[in-house]
C-alpha cells in the first residue's frame, strides 16, 4: 500500500492508533453480529491520564499537538464525562478549568505517539474545543463550543502562532462572539472550512468569513448561494482533496460518498458517487455520527464513520473504515457506467442537530450531508479501487458517544506490536 502507516483517530477524550495494514475487506452490514474488532494497536484515554477533555489535535513536522480543552475533576465516572456539566470542571487548572496549554508528542515510534509533554509555549487565553488550522505556515486557533463551561469566553478567543518568530498574537473577535459570549444558538459554531487564505464559519444560521491577509471578519448572511465560493468548499461539506489532484474532492454528500471535480472557472462541479467504497445499504439517512476523510498518499484515501447500532436489545458502537485508490481516467480508458448528478431537489438534514449544542463543532463534527447544488451529469472521471472496507466493533469507545473530532495519517515503514 502506498500509505502504509498508522491512522490516528481523536475523540473528545480518546486517541486511537490504528494499524492500516491490518484492515480487512469485510462483506458485512452494520447489523450483523458479531463484527470484527478494529485493529487499534493503541487506545489512549488522555482524559484519564490528566489531560483536558475536548482538546483538539493537529500534526506538524512529524509531531502531534494537543491544544486547549477543559480540565475535568479527578475521579469522575465514564458516565459523568459523557454528560458534562460545569460542576465537573477542575477550577484550579488553567482559568477556571479551561486549558491554555499545548502538549506535544513525537511520531517516531508507536510508543512515542501517546507520550505527551507540555510545550514551553502557552496560548494567550484558554481555548474550548478549539478550531486549529495551519494557513501559509501560521497556526490559527479559534475557541469552539464548550462542553462544560457556561460563562464568558476568556479573551482573546482567536489568536495566531507564527513559528518563524516564535510568537503568539491576538486576532479580532469574531462577529458571532458578541462580548466574548456564546451562550445562545446564534453563537454556536456548526462547521467551518478554509479556502485559500479565507476561513469560512457557519455560526447559528449565518455565515461569516475571516481574511487572513486583511485580518477582517465579514458577515456573509444566511444563504450559502450568495457566497462567491464553490458550494463544496463552504462549511457543511466534509471533504478532502486528493493530494495528486488539486481539483478532485472526496466528500460526504447526498447521504453518500462522492468524488467532485471542481472546474477552474468556478462552474458547477462534476460528481461521481463512489459506491465501490460506500454503498447505499449503509443507510446514511439514519446516521447522526459524522465521518471524516483522510489522505493516505498521493492517490489513496480513507473514510471513517462511526455508528451506534442496537442488536438484540444491546447498544453496540461500530465504526466503518474503508481505504481506496483513485486515479483520473484518460480518454483511452474504458468508460464505466454514467455518473449520477447532484439533484437540486435534494434537501439537507444539516439543521436537524442544531439544538444539540454539545455536539456542534468544527467541520469534523458537523452533519456533512448537505447537497452539492447545480452539479452536472458526467461520464465518470475516476477509476476507483477499493483496498479494504467493513464494519468493526469498537468497544474501546466505552460510554462515550462515538464522535470523531479529527483524524490523521502518519507514514512509517513498520508498525511494532504492543
Foldseek 3Di string as FASTA:
>chain_A
DQQFFWKWFDDQFKIFTAGPVPFFADPDAPQDPDFAAGRGLDIDRVLQVFDAGLWDWDDDPQKIKTAKHFRFDPPDDPVDSQQAAQVGGPCVAFHHRIAQWMWMFGNPAPVRNNDIDTDPDGAPFGAHNWDWDAAPQKIKTAHAFHRYDQDAGDPPRIWIAHVVVRDIDRADHAPQCVVRHQNDQQNHWQAWFDDHQKIWTCGRQWIWIAGNVVSDIDTQGRDPVSDLAQPCRGFQWAWDAQQLDPQWIWTAAQLFIWIWGQDPVRAATAIATPCVATNCSNPSVPFLAFKHKEHSDNFKIKIKTWGWDAHPNDTFIKMKIWMKGKDFDDPPDDFDDWGDWFDPPDADCQCVCSVVRSQRHYRQSGNRHGTRPPHDTGTDGMDMGIDHIDMHTDCSCPPHDPHTPDMYRDDDDDHDRD
